[in-house]
Amino acid sequence: MIVPVRCFTCGKLVADKHSEFVQRVRGGEDPKKVLDSLGMKRYCCRRMLISSMDVIDHLMPYNEAQWKRHAEYSVDRI
């Protein structure tokens, strides 16, 4: 996943807090409390952590389908 290094609006470093935020939220903690404990006070920085998502899991099926189609095409041409 591509994690934004800095907040797009204010430029504060947010990448160092991303892994802890994700682990704690997946562990069942309230995202608001996690962000408060990490020192994320500005709403622009909070948005950066809340809105980032792991897109690689959504894109992998397309990549696998592309490789299968490429393999089928290569076999047909030989």
Protein backbone atom coordinates (compact mmCIF):
# COMPACT_ATOMS: atom_id res chain seq x y z
CA MET A 1 0.00 0.00 0.00
CA ILE A 2 1.16 3.49 -0.70
CA VAL A 3 0.92 5.46 2.52
CA PRO A 4 1.05 9.23 2.20
CA VAL A 5 4.24 10.46 3.82
CA ARG A 6 2.97 13.92 4.68
CA CYS A 7 -0.41 15.54 5.03
CA PHE A 8 -1.44 17.06 1.71
CA THR A 9 -2.76 20.20 3.40
CA CYS A 10 -0.37 21.15 6.20
CA GLY A 11 2.69 19.01 5.48
CA LYS A 12 2.87 17.25 8.84
CA LEU A 13 4.48 13.81 8.84
CA VAL A 14 1.78 11.11 9.02
CA ALA A 15 3.43 7.98 7.58
CA ASP A 16 5.15 7.06 10.85
CA LYS A 17 1.80 6.80 12.61
CA HIS A 18 -0.05 4.81 9.96
CA SER A 19 0.95 1.26 10.95
CA GLU A 20 0.14 1.80 14.62
CA PHE A 21 -3.19 3.39 13.70
CA VAL A 22 -4.18 0.46 11.49
CA GLN A 23 -3.14 -2.16 14.06
CA ARG A 24 -5.02 -0.51 16.88
CA VAL A 25 -8.19 0.09 14.86
CA ARG A 26 -8.17 -3.51 13.61
CA GLY A 27 -7.74 -4.52 17.24
CA GLY A 28 -11.09 -2.93 18.05
CA GLU A 29 -10.18 0.49 19.40
CA ASP A 30 -12.16 3.59 18.51
CA PRO A 31 -10.42 5.50 15.67
CA LYS A 32 -11.08 8.83 17.38
CA LYS A 33 -9.29 7.75 20.54
CA VAL A 34 -6.40 6.24 18.58
CA LEU A 35 -5.89 9.46 16.61
CA ASP A 36 -6.03 11.51 19.82
CA SER A 37 -3.42 9.30 21.49
CA LEU A 38 -1.15 9.54 18.42
CA GLY A 39 -1.24 13.32 18.63
CA MET A 40 -3.19 13.88 15.43
CA LYS A 41 -5.12 17.02 16.31
CA ARG A 42 -5.69 18.65 12.94
CA TYR A 43 -8.62 17.35 10.94
CA CYS A 44 -6.59 17.43 7.71
CA CYS A 45 -4.04 15.01 9.18
CA ARG A 46 -6.75 12.83 10.66
CA ARG A 47 -8.32 12.61 7.23
CA MET A 48 -5.04 11.33 5.78
CA LEU A 49 -5.01 8.33 8.13
CA ILE A 50 -8.72 7.59 8.09
CA SER A 51 -9.18 7.81 4.33
CA SER A 52 -6.12 5.85 3.20
CA MET A 53 -6.95 2.29 2.25
CA ASP A 54 -5.08 -0.78 1.10
CA VAL A 55 -5.86 -0.87 -2.61
CA ILE A 56 -3.46 -3.69 -3.47
CA ASP A 57 -5.98 -6.30 -2.28
CA HIS A 58 -8.55 -4.85 -4.66
CA LEU A 59 -6.16 -4.65 -7.62
CA MET A 60 -4.52 -8.09 -7.40
CA PRO A 61 -7.40 -10.00 -9.06
CA TYR A 62 -7.04 -7.79 -12.14
CA ASN A 63 -3.31 -8.37 -12.28
CA GLU A 64 -3.77 -12.14 -12.02
CA ALA A 65 -6.40 -12.10 -14.76
CA GLN A 66 -4.06 -10.11 -16.98
CA TRP A 67 -1.27 -12.66 -16.54
CA LYS A 68 -3.64 -15.55 -17.34
CA ARG A 69 -4.84 -13.79 -20.47
CA HIS A 70 -1.25 -13.08 -21.49
CA ALA A 71 -0.30 -16.75 -20.98
CA GLU A 72 -3.27 -17.90 -23.08
CA TYR A 73 -2.39 -15.48 -25.84
CA SER A 74 1.25 -16.60 -25.82
CA VAL A 75 0.24 -20.28 -26.15
CA ASP A 76 -2.08 -19.52 -29.08
CA ARG A 77 0.67 -17.74 -31.03
CA ILE A 78 3.20 -20.58 -30.80
